[in-house]
Amino acid sequence: MKNTQTSSAWEQHTPQSFADLVFADDYTQQDLYDYVQYPQLCGNIILEGGYGSGKSTIAAVIAKERLGNTASVYEFNGEAWDEDTLTTLRGTFNLARSCDEIPVLIINEVDRLKENQYKLRDFLDEHTQRLLVIMTTNLQGNIDGSIVDRSDVFRVRGFEPKAAVPIAQRVLQRFHVAVTDSDLEAIFGRSLVGDETELSLRKIGRTVDKLVLQLGTAPKPPKPTLKVV
C-alpha cells in the first residue's frame, strides 16, 4: 500500500527565516541575529543546549539567511568526519571565496569528532576570521578546551511550561485547536520528568501534534483569486 503520510503539524511550521525562530531569552536571540544582520561577520560559534532545543535549525537558518541555498554552505555531523573531510572543507572555502562569498560550515554534534577535534582546530586557525563556523553540541564538556577558547558559546535553553504556551498556540490555532492557555500550561507541566524545569522544542512539538490529531482540522487552502482578462 502506498504511503501517503504527510508531514506533521509541527513539521509544517519548521522555521524558514530567523524571524520564525523562537528563543528562551532575548540576549541569545539578539547576539545570534548579529550574524544575520552583518553577513560579513566571521568567527566560530558553539550552540550548546539540551537535546531537541533547536540548535541545528538555528544553524541552518543563519546559513540560509546569509547565503541562501548555495554550495558555499557545508553541513555535516561530527561522527561523519573521515579522511576526505578536510579536503571537502577546503574545497567549500575556496569555492565560496571564488564567488566572493564568506563560507558557512555547520558541524552538528561537534563533540563526536573525538580525536579529530585537533584537525578541526588546525583548520580553524588556518582560516581564522575568513569564514563562519557554527558548531552544535549537547555536551560542551566533551569539546577540547582549545576549540571552546576559539569560539563564542551560546546557550540554547529550553522553555518553561508558561513560555511554551504561545509557541504551541501559534500552530494549534492554525489547525483550529481550541485549548486554553492554562490547560496547555498544565499539559506541559505534566510532561516534565523528574527534576526537569524546561521543555525542548521537540517535546513541545510532540504535544502539539498529539492535540492536532485529537482535536484539530486541517487549515483550508487559500481561495484562488479570479483574474478578469
N, C-alpha and C. Protein backbone atom coordinates (compact mmCIF):
# COMPACT_ATOMS: atom_id res chain seq x y z
N MET A 1 0.84 -1.19 0.00
CA MET A 1 0.00 0.00 0.00
C MET A 1 0.88 1.24 0.00
N LYS A 2 0.51 2.21 -0.80
CA LYS A 2 1.31 3.42 -0.93
C LYS A 2 1.22 4.28 0.32
N ASN A 3 2.37 4.77 0.78
CA ASN A 3 2.40 5.61 1.97
C ASN A 3 2.10 7.05 1.58
N THR A 4 0.97 7.56 2.05
CA THR A 4 0.58 8.93 1.70
C THR A 4 0.71 9.87 2.89
N GLN A 5 1.45 9.46 3.89
CA GLN A 5 1.61 10.26 5.11
C GLN A 5 2.28 11.59 4.79
N THR A 6 1.73 12.67 5.31
CA THR A 6 2.30 13.99 5.12
C THR A 6 3.02 14.41 6.40
N SER A 7 3.74 15.51 6.32
CA SER A 7 4.46 15.98 7.49
C SER A 7 3.48 16.39 8.57
N SER A 8 3.93 16.31 9.81
CA SER A 8 3.07 16.63 10.95
C SER A 8 2.81 18.13 11.00
N ALA A 9 1.84 18.50 11.83
CA ALA A 9 1.51 19.91 12.01
C ALA A 9 2.73 20.70 12.44
N TRP A 10 3.49 20.15 13.38
CA TRP A 10 4.68 20.84 13.88
C TRP A 10 5.73 20.98 12.79
N GLU A 11 5.95 19.91 12.03
CA GLU A 11 6.95 19.94 10.96
C GLU A 11 6.58 20.95 9.88
N GLN A 12 5.28 21.12 9.65
CA GLN A 12 4.84 22.09 8.64
C GLN A 12 5.20 23.52 9.03
N HIS A 13 5.52 23.73 10.29
CA HIS A 13 5.87 25.07 10.76
C HIS A 13 7.35 25.16 11.14
N THR A 14 8.17 24.34 10.50
CA THR A 14 9.61 24.44 10.69
C THR A 14 10.08 25.84 10.28
N PRO A 15 10.86 26.51 11.11
CA PRO A 15 11.30 27.88 10.77
C PRO A 15 12.02 27.96 9.43
N GLN A 16 11.65 28.95 8.65
CA GLN A 16 12.29 29.18 7.36
C GLN A 16 13.15 30.45 7.36
N SER A 17 12.97 31.29 8.36
CA SER A 17 13.74 32.52 8.46
C SER A 17 14.05 32.76 9.93
N PHE A 18 14.96 33.70 10.18
CA PHE A 18 15.34 33.98 11.56
C PHE A 18 14.14 34.49 12.36
N ALA A 19 13.26 35.23 11.70
CA ALA A 19 12.08 35.75 12.38
C ALA A 19 11.16 34.63 12.86
N ASP A 20 11.25 33.45 12.25
CA ASP A 20 10.41 32.32 12.65
C ASP A 20 10.95 31.60 13.87
N LEU A 21 12.22 31.80 14.19
CA LEU A 21 12.85 31.09 15.31
C LEU A 21 12.30 31.58 16.65
N VAL A 22 12.30 30.70 17.63
CA VAL A 22 11.91 31.10 18.98
C VAL A 22 13.06 30.82 19.94
N PHE A 23 13.26 31.72 20.87
CA PHE A 23 14.34 31.62 21.84
C PHE A 23 13.78 31.80 23.25
N ALA A 24 14.44 31.17 24.19
CA ALA A 24 14.01 31.28 25.58
C ALA A 24 14.47 32.60 26.21
N ASP A 25 15.44 33.26 25.60
CA ASP A 25 15.89 34.55 26.14
C ASP A 25 16.26 35.48 25.00
N ASP A 26 16.02 36.77 25.21
CA ASP A 26 16.26 37.78 24.18
C ASP A 26 17.73 37.98 23.89
N TYR A 27 18.59 37.74 24.88
CA TYR A 27 20.01 38.00 24.70
C TYR A 27 20.60 37.08 23.64
N THR A 28 20.30 35.80 23.74
CA THR A 28 20.81 34.85 22.75
C THR A 28 20.26 35.17 21.37
N GLN A 29 18.98 35.50 21.31
CA GLN A 29 18.37 35.84 20.03
C GLN A 29 19.08 37.02 19.37
N GLN A 30 19.33 38.08 20.12
CA GLN A 30 19.95 39.26 19.56
C GLN A 30 21.41 39.01 19.18
N ASP A 31 22.13 38.29 20.03
CA ASP A 31 23.53 38.01 19.73
C ASP A 31 23.67 37.19 18.45
N LEU A 32 22.80 36.22 18.27
CA LEU A 32 22.87 35.39 17.06
C LEU A 32 22.36 36.14 15.83
N TYR A 33 21.42 37.04 16.04
CA TYR A 33 20.91 37.82 14.90
C TYR A 33 22.01 38.68 14.29
N ASP A 34 23.01 39.04 15.08
CA ASP A 34 24.12 39.82 14.54
C ASP A 34 24.77 39.11 13.35
N TYR A 35 24.79 37.77 13.38
CA TYR A 35 25.42 37.02 12.29
C TYR A 35 24.57 37.01 11.04
N VAL A 36 23.29 37.36 11.18
CA VAL A 36 22.41 37.53 10.03
C VAL A 36 22.46 38.97 9.55
N GLN A 37 22.39 39.88 10.49
CA GLN A 37 22.35 41.30 10.17
C GLN A 37 23.65 41.78 9.55
N TYR A 38 24.76 41.16 9.95
CA TYR A 38 26.07 41.54 9.43
C TYR A 38 26.71 40.32 8.78
N PRO A 39 26.36 40.03 7.52
CA PRO A 39 26.83 38.80 6.87
C PRO A 39 28.34 38.74 6.66
N GLN A 40 29.02 39.85 6.87
CA GLN A 40 30.47 39.82 6.77
C GLN A 40 31.12 39.37 8.07
N LEU A 41 30.31 39.18 9.11
CA LEU A 41 30.83 38.78 10.41
C LEU A 41 31.30 37.33 10.36
N CYS A 42 32.54 37.12 10.73
CA CYS A 42 33.14 35.78 10.71
C CYS A 42 33.39 35.30 12.14
N GLY A 43 33.88 34.07 12.26
CA GLY A 43 34.23 33.54 13.57
C GLY A 43 33.71 32.13 13.76
N ASN A 44 33.83 31.67 15.00
CA ASN A 44 33.39 30.32 15.36
C ASN A 44 32.32 30.43 16.44
N ILE A 45 31.21 29.72 16.25
CA ILE A 45 30.10 29.72 17.20
C ILE A 45 29.88 28.29 17.68
N ILE A 46 29.65 28.15 18.98
CA ILE A 46 29.19 26.88 19.53
C ILE A 46 27.80 27.10 20.11
N LEU A 47 26.82 26.37 19.60
CA LEU A 47 25.47 26.39 20.15
C LEU A 47 25.35 25.19 21.08
N GLU A 48 25.25 25.46 22.36
CA GLU A 48 25.22 24.39 23.36
C GLU A 48 23.86 24.35 24.01
N GLY A 49 23.29 23.16 24.11
CA GLY A 49 21.99 23.03 24.73
C GLY A 49 21.52 21.60 24.75
N GLY A 50 20.39 21.38 25.37
CA GLY A 50 19.86 20.03 25.51
C GLY A 50 19.39 19.45 24.19
N TYR A 51 19.05 18.18 24.23
CA TYR A 51 18.53 17.51 23.05
C TYR A 51 17.22 18.15 22.62
N GLY A 52 17.07 18.35 21.31
CA GLY A 52 15.81 18.87 20.79
C GLY A 52 15.56 20.33 21.03
N SER A 53 16.60 21.10 21.35
CA SER A 53 16.41 22.51 21.66
C SER A 53 16.43 23.42 20.43
N GLY A 54 16.66 22.84 19.25
CA GLY A 54 16.60 23.62 18.03
C GLY A 54 17.94 24.16 17.54
N LYS A 55 19.03 23.63 18.05
CA LYS A 55 20.35 24.15 17.70
C LYS A 55 20.65 24.00 16.20
N SER A 56 20.39 22.82 15.67
CA SER A 56 20.69 22.58 14.25
C SER A 56 19.81 23.45 13.36
N THR A 57 18.57 23.66 13.77
CA THR A 57 17.68 24.53 13.00
C THR A 57 18.18 25.96 13.00
N ILE A 58 18.62 26.43 14.15
CA ILE A 58 19.18 27.79 14.24
C ILE A 58 20.37 27.93 13.30
N ALA A 59 21.27 26.95 13.33
CA ALA A 59 22.46 27.00 12.47
C ALA A 59 22.07 27.04 11.00
N ALA A 60 21.12 26.19 10.61
CA ALA A 60 20.71 26.14 9.20
C ALA A 60 20.05 27.44 8.75
N VAL A 61 19.26 28.04 9.64
CA VAL A 61 18.57 29.28 9.29
C VAL A 61 19.58 30.43 9.14
N ILE A 62 20.55 30.51 10.05
CA ILE A 62 21.57 31.55 9.92
C ILE A 62 22.30 31.41 8.59
N ALA A 63 22.68 30.19 8.23
CA ALA A 63 23.38 29.97 6.96
C ALA A 63 22.50 30.36 5.78
N LYS A 64 21.23 29.99 5.84
CA LYS A 64 20.31 30.31 4.74
C LYS A 64 20.11 31.82 4.60
N GLU A 65 19.98 32.51 5.74
CA GLU A 65 19.79 33.95 5.70
C GLU A 65 21.02 34.66 5.12
N ARG A 66 22.18 34.12 5.38
CA ARG A 66 23.42 34.75 4.89
C ARG A 66 23.68 34.45 3.43
N LEU A 67 23.42 33.22 3.01
CA LEU A 67 23.87 32.79 1.69
C LEU A 67 22.80 32.16 0.81
N GLY A 68 21.62 31.86 1.36
CA GLY A 68 20.63 31.13 0.58
C GLY A 68 21.07 29.68 0.42
N ASN A 69 20.57 29.04 -0.61
CA ASN A 69 20.93 27.64 -0.87
C ASN A 69 22.06 27.60 -1.89
N THR A 70 23.28 27.72 -1.40
CA THR A 70 24.44 27.72 -2.29
C THR A 70 25.45 26.69 -1.81
N ALA A 71 26.42 26.41 -2.69
CA ALA A 71 27.48 25.47 -2.35
C ALA A 71 28.48 26.07 -1.38
N SER A 72 28.27 27.32 -0.99
CA SER A 72 29.15 27.96 -0.01
C SER A 72 28.79 27.57 1.42
N VAL A 73 27.73 26.77 1.57
CA VAL A 73 27.33 26.24 2.88
C VAL A 73 27.58 24.74 2.87
N TYR A 74 28.28 24.26 3.90
CA TYR A 74 28.53 22.82 4.01
C TYR A 74 28.17 22.38 5.42
N GLU A 75 27.34 21.35 5.52
CA GLU A 75 26.86 20.86 6.82
C GLU A 75 27.15 19.38 6.95
N PHE A 76 27.64 18.97 8.12
CA PHE A 76 27.86 17.55 8.36
C PHE A 76 27.83 17.28 9.86
N ASN A 77 27.74 16.00 10.20
CA ASN A 77 27.74 15.58 11.60
C ASN A 77 29.16 15.21 12.02
N GLY A 78 29.50 15.52 13.27
CA GLY A 78 30.86 15.28 13.74
C GLY A 78 31.33 13.85 13.57
N GLU A 79 30.45 12.88 13.78
CA GLU A 79 30.87 11.49 13.68
C GLU A 79 31.12 11.06 12.24
N ALA A 80 30.74 11.91 11.27
CA ALA A 80 30.94 11.56 9.86
C ALA A 80 32.30 12.01 9.34
N TRP A 81 33.12 12.62 10.20
CA TRP A 81 34.45 13.08 9.77
C TRP A 81 35.26 11.88 9.29
N ASP A 82 35.84 12.00 8.08
CA ASP A 82 36.70 10.94 7.56
C ASP A 82 37.92 11.55 6.91
N GLU A 83 38.67 10.74 6.20
CA GLU A 83 39.94 11.21 5.63
C GLU A 83 39.75 12.25 4.54
N ASP A 84 38.54 12.37 4.01
CA ASP A 84 38.28 13.33 2.93
C ASP A 84 37.66 14.64 3.43
N THR A 85 37.35 14.70 4.72
CA THR A 85 36.60 15.86 5.22
C THR A 85 37.38 17.16 5.08
N LEU A 86 38.64 17.15 5.43
CA LEU A 86 39.43 18.38 5.32
C LEU A 86 39.49 18.87 3.88
N THR A 87 39.63 17.95 2.94
CA THR A 87 39.64 18.32 1.52
C THR A 87 38.32 18.97 1.13
N THR A 88 37.21 18.41 1.62
CA THR A 88 35.89 18.98 1.33
C THR A 88 35.73 20.36 1.94
N LEU A 89 36.20 20.52 3.18
CA LEU A 89 36.09 21.82 3.84
C LEU A 89 36.90 22.89 3.09
N ARG A 90 38.10 22.53 2.70
CA ARG A 90 38.94 23.49 1.96
C ARG A 90 38.33 23.79 0.59
N GLY A 91 37.71 22.77 -0.02
CA GLY A 91 37.06 22.99 -1.31
C GLY A 91 35.88 23.94 -1.18
N THR A 92 35.10 23.78 -0.11
CA THR A 92 33.98 24.69 0.13
C THR A 92 34.47 26.10 0.34
N PHE A 93 35.55 26.23 1.11
CA PHE A 93 36.12 27.55 1.38
C PHE A 93 36.59 28.21 0.08
N ASN A 94 37.32 27.47 -0.74
CA ASN A 94 37.87 28.04 -1.98
C ASN A 94 36.76 28.40 -2.96
N LEU A 95 35.71 27.55 -3.04
CA LEU A 95 34.60 27.84 -3.94
C LEU A 95 33.88 29.11 -3.51
N ALA A 96 33.63 29.24 -2.22
CA ALA A 96 32.94 30.44 -1.72
C ALA A 96 33.75 31.69 -2.00
N ARG A 97 35.05 31.61 -1.77
CA ARG A 97 35.89 32.77 -2.00
C ARG A 97 35.93 33.15 -3.47
N SER A 98 35.90 32.16 -4.35
CA SER A 98 35.89 32.45 -5.79
C SER A 98 34.60 33.14 -6.21
N CYS A 99 33.54 32.95 -5.42
CA CYS A 99 32.26 33.61 -5.68
C CYS A 99 32.10 34.88 -4.85
N ASP A 100 33.19 35.29 -4.19
CA ASP A 100 33.19 36.48 -3.34
C ASP A 100 32.16 36.35 -2.22
N GLU A 101 32.08 35.14 -1.64
CA GLU A 101 31.18 34.88 -0.52
C GLU A 101 31.98 34.40 0.69
N ILE A 102 31.41 34.63 1.86
CA ILE A 102 32.02 34.11 3.08
C ILE A 102 31.36 32.77 3.39
N PRO A 103 32.11 31.67 3.34
CA PRO A 103 31.51 30.35 3.53
C PRO A 103 31.00 30.14 4.95
N VAL A 104 30.01 29.26 5.06
CA VAL A 104 29.47 28.87 6.36
C VAL A 104 29.59 27.36 6.48
N LEU A 105 30.24 26.91 7.54
CA LEU A 105 30.35 25.48 7.83
C LEU A 105 29.53 25.19 9.07
N ILE A 106 28.71 24.14 8.99
CA ILE A 106 27.90 23.73 10.13
C ILE A 106 28.34 22.32 10.53
N ILE A 107 28.76 22.19 11.79
CA ILE A 107 29.19 20.89 12.30
C ILE A 107 28.28 20.52 13.46
N ASN A 108 27.33 19.64 13.19
CA ASN A 108 26.41 19.19 14.23
C ASN A 108 27.09 18.14 15.11
N GLU A 109 26.80 18.21 16.41
CA GLU A 109 27.39 17.29 17.39
C GLU A 109 28.92 17.26 17.24
N VAL A 110 29.49 18.45 17.34
CA VAL A 110 30.93 18.57 17.14
C VAL A 110 31.73 17.76 18.16
N ASP A 111 31.14 17.49 19.32
CA ASP A 111 31.84 16.70 20.33
C ASP A 111 32.12 15.29 19.85
N ARG A 112 31.41 14.82 18.84
CA ARG A 112 31.62 13.47 18.32
C ARG A 112 32.83 13.37 17.39
N LEU A 113 33.50 14.49 17.17
CA LEU A 113 34.74 14.45 16.39
C LEU A 113 35.83 13.65 17.10
N LYS A 114 35.77 13.67 18.44
CA LYS A 114 36.75 12.97 19.27
C LYS A 114 38.16 13.40 18.90
N GLU A 115 39.06 12.46 18.49
CA GLU A 115 40.45 12.83 18.23
C GLU A 115 40.60 13.75 17.02
N ASN A 116 39.57 13.82 16.17
CA ASN A 116 39.65 14.71 15.00
C ASN A 116 39.43 16.18 15.37
N GLN A 117 39.12 16.45 16.63
CA GLN A 117 38.96 17.84 17.06
C GLN A 117 40.23 18.64 16.81
N TYR A 118 41.38 17.99 16.92
CA TYR A 118 42.64 18.72 16.73
C TYR A 118 42.84 19.09 15.26
N LYS A 119 42.34 18.25 14.36
CA LYS A 119 42.39 18.60 12.94
C LYS A 119 41.47 19.78 12.66
N LEU A 120 40.31 19.78 13.32
CA LEU A 120 39.40 20.92 13.17
C LEU A 120 40.04 22.18 13.72
N ARG A 121 40.68 22.08 14.86
CA ARG A 121 41.33 23.26 15.46
C ARG A 121 42.35 23.85 14.49
N ASP A 122 43.15 23.01 13.86
CA ASP A 122 44.15 23.50 12.91
C ASP A 122 43.48 24.16 11.71
N PHE A 123 42.34 23.60 11.27
CA PHE A 123 41.62 24.21 10.15
C PHE A 123 41.08 25.59 10.55
N LEU A 124 40.56 25.70 11.77
CA LEU A 124 40.05 26.99 12.24
C LEU A 124 41.16 28.03 12.27
N ASP A 125 42.35 27.63 12.71
CA ASP A 125 43.47 28.56 12.75
C ASP A 125 43.92 28.95 11.35
N GLU A 126 43.85 27.99 10.44
CA GLU A 126 44.27 28.23 9.06
C GLU A 126 43.37 29.26 8.37
N HIS A 127 42.09 29.29 8.76
CA HIS A 127 41.12 30.16 8.08
C HIS A 127 40.47 31.14 9.04
N THR A 128 41.18 31.50 10.09
CA THR A 128 40.60 32.37 11.11
C THR A 128 40.10 33.68 10.52
N GLN A 129 38.88 34.06 10.93
CA GLN A 129 38.22 35.30 10.51
C GLN A 129 38.02 35.40 9.00
N ARG A 130 37.94 34.25 8.34
CA ARG A 130 37.66 34.24 6.91
C ARG A 130 36.45 33.38 6.56
N LEU A 131 35.78 32.85 7.58
CA LEU A 131 34.57 32.07 7.39
C LEU A 131 33.78 32.05 8.69
N LEU A 132 32.56 31.54 8.61
CA LEU A 132 31.74 31.36 9.81
C LEU A 132 31.56 29.87 10.03
N VAL A 133 31.95 29.41 11.21
CA VAL A 133 31.80 28.00 11.57
C VAL A 133 30.80 27.93 12.72
N ILE A 134 29.71 27.21 12.50
CA ILE A 134 28.68 27.05 13.52
C ILE A 134 28.69 25.59 13.98
N MET A 135 28.97 25.38 15.26
CA MET A 135 29.03 24.04 15.82
C MET A 135 27.92 23.86 16.84
N THR A 136 27.36 22.66 16.90
CA THR A 136 26.33 22.37 17.89
C THR A 136 26.79 21.22 18.78
N THR A 137 26.31 21.23 20.01
CA THR A 137 26.67 20.16 20.93
C THR A 137 25.66 20.07 22.07
N ASN A 138 25.45 18.85 22.54
CA ASN A 138 24.70 18.64 23.78
C ASN A 138 25.64 18.52 24.97
N LEU A 139 26.93 18.34 24.67
CA LEU A 139 27.92 18.04 25.71
C LEU A 139 29.16 18.90 25.51
N GLN A 140 29.09 20.14 25.95
CA GLN A 140 30.23 21.04 25.76
C GLN A 140 31.49 20.51 26.45
N GLY A 141 31.30 19.79 27.55
CA GLY A 141 32.46 19.27 28.27
C GLY A 141 33.29 18.29 27.47
N ASN A 142 32.72 17.74 26.37
CA ASN A 142 33.45 16.81 25.53
C ASN A 142 34.17 17.48 24.37
N ILE A 143 34.10 18.80 24.33
CA ILE A 143 34.81 19.56 23.30
C ILE A 143 36.13 20.03 23.88
N ASP A 144 37.20 19.86 23.11
CA ASP A 144 38.52 20.26 23.59
C ASP A 144 38.52 21.76 23.93
N GLY A 145 39.16 22.09 25.04
CA GLY A 145 39.18 23.47 25.50
C GLY A 145 39.77 24.44 24.50
N SER A 146 40.69 23.97 23.65
CA SER A 146 41.30 24.86 22.67
C SER A 146 40.30 25.31 21.61
N ILE A 147 39.29 24.47 21.31
CA ILE A 147 38.25 24.86 20.36
C ILE A 147 37.25 25.79 21.04
N VAL A 148 36.89 25.48 22.27
CA VAL A 148 35.97 26.35 23.02
C VAL A 148 36.57 27.74 23.15
N ASP A 149 37.86 27.81 23.42
CA ASP A 149 38.54 29.10 23.59
C ASP A 149 38.55 29.92 22.30
N ARG A 150 38.45 29.25 21.17
CA ARG A 150 38.46 29.93 19.87
C ARG A 150 37.04 30.28 19.40
N SER A 151 36.05 30.05 20.25
CA SER A 151 34.65 30.18 19.82
C SER A 151 33.85 31.04 20.79
N ASP A 152 32.76 31.61 20.26
CA ASP A 152 31.74 32.24 21.10
C ASP A 152 30.69 31.18 21.39
N VAL A 153 30.40 30.95 22.67
CA VAL A 153 29.48 29.90 23.08
C VAL A 153 28.14 30.52 23.45
N PHE A 154 27.08 29.98 22.86
CA PHE A 154 25.73 30.45 23.15
C PHE A 154 24.91 29.29 23.70
N ARG A 155 24.30 29.51 24.84
CA ARG A 155 23.45 28.51 25.47
C ARG A 155 22.05 28.59 24.87
N VAL A 156 21.59 27.51 24.24
CA VAL A 156 20.24 27.46 23.69
C VAL A 156 19.37 26.72 24.70
N ARG A 157 18.61 27.48 25.46
CA ARG A 157 17.83 26.93 26.56
C ARG A 157 16.50 26.36 26.07
N GLY A 158 15.92 25.51 26.91
CA GLY A 158 14.57 25.04 26.69
C GLY A 158 13.57 26.05 27.23
N PHE A 159 12.30 25.67 27.27
CA PHE A 159 11.23 26.59 27.63
C PHE A 159 10.46 26.08 28.84
N GLU A 160 10.26 26.94 29.82
CA GLU A 160 9.39 26.60 30.93
C GLU A 160 7.96 26.47 30.39
N PRO A 161 7.11 25.70 31.07
CA PRO A 161 5.75 25.46 30.55
C PRO A 161 5.00 26.72 30.14
N LYS A 162 5.08 27.77 30.95
CA LYS A 162 4.36 29.00 30.60
C LYS A 162 4.89 29.62 29.33
N ALA A 163 6.22 29.58 29.14
CA ALA A 163 6.81 30.16 27.94
C ALA A 163 6.54 29.32 26.70
N ALA A 164 6.27 28.02 26.91
CA ALA A 164 5.99 27.13 25.78
C ALA A 164 4.60 27.34 25.21
N VAL A 165 3.70 27.92 26.00
CA VAL A 165 2.29 28.05 25.59
C VAL A 165 2.12 28.85 24.29
N PRO A 166 2.65 30.09 24.19
CA PRO A 166 2.44 30.84 22.94
C PRO A 166 3.10 30.18 21.73
N ILE A 167 4.19 29.45 21.95
CA ILE A 167 4.84 28.74 20.84
C ILE A 167 3.89 27.68 20.28
N ALA A 168 3.27 26.94 21.18
CA ALA A 168 2.34 25.90 20.76
C ALA A 168 1.06 26.49 20.17
N GLN A 169 0.54 27.53 20.79
CA GLN A 169 -0.72 28.11 20.33
C GLN A 169 -0.63 28.62 18.90
N ARG A 170 0.53 29.09 18.52
CA ARG A 170 0.70 29.60 17.15
C ARG A 170 0.40 28.53 16.11
N VAL A 171 0.76 27.29 16.42
CA VAL A 171 0.49 26.18 15.50
C VAL A 171 -0.92 25.63 15.71
N LEU A 172 -1.31 25.49 16.96
CA LEU A 172 -2.64 24.93 17.25
C LEU A 172 -3.76 25.76 16.62
N GLN A 173 -3.61 27.06 16.66
CA GLN A 173 -4.66 27.91 16.10
C GLN A 173 -4.78 27.74 14.59
N ARG A 174 -3.68 27.42 13.94
CA ARG A 174 -3.73 27.18 12.50
C ARG A 174 -4.56 25.95 12.18
N PHE A 175 -4.64 25.02 13.12
CA PHE A 175 -5.41 23.80 12.90
C PHE A 175 -6.72 23.81 13.71
N HIS A 176 -7.11 25.02 14.13
CA HIS A 176 -8.40 25.24 14.79
C HIS A 176 -8.55 24.39 16.05
N VAL A 177 -7.46 24.26 16.79
CA VAL A 177 -7.49 23.54 18.06
C VAL A 177 -7.66 24.57 19.18
N ALA A 178 -8.74 24.45 19.92
CA ALA A 178 -9.04 25.40 20.99
C ALA A 178 -8.66 24.79 22.34
N VAL A 179 -7.54 25.23 22.88
CA VAL A 179 -7.09 24.82 24.21
C VAL A 179 -6.73 26.09 24.97
N THR A 180 -7.23 26.24 26.16
CA THR A 180 -6.92 27.45 26.92
C THR A 180 -5.45 27.46 27.30
N ASP A 181 -4.93 28.65 27.52
CA ASP A 181 -3.53 28.77 27.92
C ASP A 181 -3.25 28.02 29.22
N SER A 182 -4.18 28.11 30.15
CA SER A 182 -3.96 27.45 31.45
C SER A 182 -3.95 25.93 31.30
N ASP A 183 -4.84 25.41 30.47
CA ASP A 183 -4.85 23.96 30.24
C ASP A 183 -3.57 23.51 29.54
N LEU A 184 -3.14 24.30 28.57
CA LEU A 184 -1.93 23.95 27.83
C LEU A 184 -0.71 23.99 28.74
N GLU A 185 -0.65 24.99 29.60
CA GLU A 185 0.46 25.07 30.56
C GLU A 185 0.46 23.86 31.48
N ALA A 186 -0.71 23.43 31.90
CA ALA A 186 -0.82 22.25 32.77
C ALA A 186 -0.37 20.99 32.03
N ILE A 187 -0.71 20.87 30.77
CA ILE A 187 -0.28 19.72 29.97
C ILE A 187 1.24 19.69 29.87
N PHE A 188 1.82 20.83 29.61
CA PHE A 188 3.28 20.90 29.52
C PHE A 188 3.94 20.60 30.86
N GLY A 189 3.34 21.09 31.93
CA GLY A 189 3.89 20.82 33.25
C GLY A 189 3.92 19.34 33.57
N ARG A 190 2.86 18.62 33.16
CA ARG A 190 2.80 17.18 33.42
C ARG A 190 3.79 16.39 32.57
N SER A 191 4.25 16.99 31.48
CA SER A 191 5.18 16.26 30.61
C SER A 191 6.63 16.37 31.08
N LEU A 192 6.88 17.21 32.09
CA LEU A 192 8.23 17.30 32.65
C LEU A 192 8.52 16.04 33.45
N VAL A 193 9.74 15.57 33.34
CA VAL A 193 10.12 14.32 34.00
C VAL A 193 11.18 14.61 35.07
N GLY A 194 11.00 14.02 36.24
CA GLY A 194 11.98 14.16 37.31
C GLY A 194 12.18 15.60 37.71
N ASP A 195 13.44 16.06 37.67
CA ASP A 195 13.74 17.42 38.09
C ASP A 195 13.79 18.40 36.91
N GLU A 196 13.22 18.01 35.77
CA GLU A 196 13.19 18.90 34.61
C GLU A 196 12.36 20.14 34.92
N THR A 197 12.82 21.28 34.41
CA THR A 197 12.06 22.52 34.53
C THR A 197 11.78 23.15 33.17
N GLU A 198 12.43 22.62 32.12
CA GLU A 198 12.30 23.19 30.79
C GLU A 198 11.93 22.11 29.77
N LEU A 199 11.19 22.53 28.76
CA LEU A 199 10.78 21.65 27.68
C LEU A 199 11.61 21.93 26.45
N SER A 200 12.00 20.88 25.77
CA SER A 200 12.67 21.06 24.48
C SER A 200 11.61 21.39 23.43
N LEU A 201 12.05 21.99 22.32
CA LEU A 201 11.13 22.24 21.21
C LEU A 201 10.58 20.93 20.66
N ARG A 202 11.39 19.90 20.70
CA ARG A 202 10.94 18.60 20.21
C ARG A 202 9.77 18.08 21.05
N LYS A 203 9.86 18.26 22.36
CA LYS A 203 8.78 17.80 23.25
C LYS A 203 7.54 18.66 23.06
N ILE A 204 7.72 19.96 22.89
CA ILE A 204 6.59 20.84 22.61
C ILE A 204 5.90 20.40 21.32
N GLY A 205 6.70 20.07 20.32
CA GLY A 205 6.16 19.65 19.03
C GLY A 205 5.35 18.37 19.12
N ARG A 206 5.82 17.41 19.93
CA ARG A 206 5.07 16.16 20.07
C ARG A 206 3.71 16.41 20.71
N THR A 207 3.67 17.32 21.70
CA THR A 207 2.40 17.66 22.34
C THR A 207 1.46 18.33 21.35
N VAL A 208 1.99 19.25 20.56
CA VAL A 208 1.19 19.93 19.54
C VAL A 208 0.61 18.93 18.55
N ASP A 209 1.44 18.02 18.06
CA ASP A 209 0.97 17.04 17.07
C ASP A 209 -0.12 16.15 17.65
N LYS A 210 0.02 15.78 18.90
CA LYS A 210 -0.99 14.93 19.54
C LYS A 210 -2.32 15.68 19.66
N LEU A 211 -2.28 16.94 20.06
CA LEU A 211 -3.51 17.73 20.20
C LEU A 211 -4.17 17.97 18.84
N VAL A 212 -3.35 18.22 17.82
CA VAL A 212 -3.91 18.42 16.48
C VAL A 212 -4.57 17.15 15.99
N LEU A 213 -3.95 16.01 16.26
CA LEU A 213 -4.51 14.73 15.84
C LEU A 213 -5.84 14.47 16.54
N GLN A 214 -5.92 14.83 17.82
CA GLN A 214 -7.12 14.57 18.59
C GLN A 214 -8.25 15.57 18.32
N LEU A 215 -7.88 16.85 18.15
CA LEU A 215 -8.88 17.90 18.16
C LEU A 215 -8.92 18.78 16.92
N GLY A 216 -7.93 18.66 16.07
CA GLY A 216 -7.77 19.65 15.01
C GLY A 216 -8.41 19.30 13.68
N THR A 217 -8.48 20.33 12.84
CA THR A 217 -8.86 20.18 11.44
C THR A 217 -7.83 20.89 10.60
N ALA A 218 -7.55 20.36 9.43
CA ALA A 218 -6.52 20.95 8.57
C ALA A 218 -6.95 22.35 8.14
N PRO A 219 -5.99 23.29 8.11
CA PRO A 219 -6.34 24.64 7.65
C PRO A 219 -6.77 24.61 6.19
N LYS A 220 -7.76 25.44 5.86
CA LYS A 220 -8.25 25.47 4.49
C LYS A 220 -7.25 26.19 3.61
N PRO A 221 -7.01 25.67 2.40
CA PRO A 221 -6.11 26.38 1.48
C PRO A 221 -6.73 27.68 1.06
N PRO A 222 -5.92 28.67 0.73
CA PRO A 222 -6.48 29.97 0.31
C PRO A 222 -7.29 29.81 -0.96
N LYS A 223 -8.38 30.61 -1.05
CA LYS A 223 -9.23 30.56 -2.23
C LYS A 223 -8.49 31.17 -3.42
N PRO A 224 -8.61 30.54 -4.58
CA PRO A 224 -7.95 31.14 -5.76
C PRO A 224 -8.62 32.47 -6.12
N THR A 225 -7.81 33.40 -6.58
CA THR A 225 -8.34 34.68 -6.99
C THR A 225 -8.64 34.66 -8.48
N LEU A 226 -9.76 35.26 -8.83
CA LEU A 226 -10.17 35.32 -10.24
C LEU A 226 -9.61 36.57 -10.89
N LYS A 227 -9.06 36.37 -12.03
CA LYS A 227 -8.49 37.50 -12.75
C LYS A 227 -9.26 37.71 -14.04
N VAL A 228 -9.77 38.90 -14.22
CA VAL A 228 -10.53 39.21 -15.42
C VAL A 228 -9.58 39.70 -16.50
N VAL A 229 -9.67 39.03 -17.63
CA VAL A 229 -8.81 39.43 -18.75
C VAL A 229 -9.66 39.90 -19.92
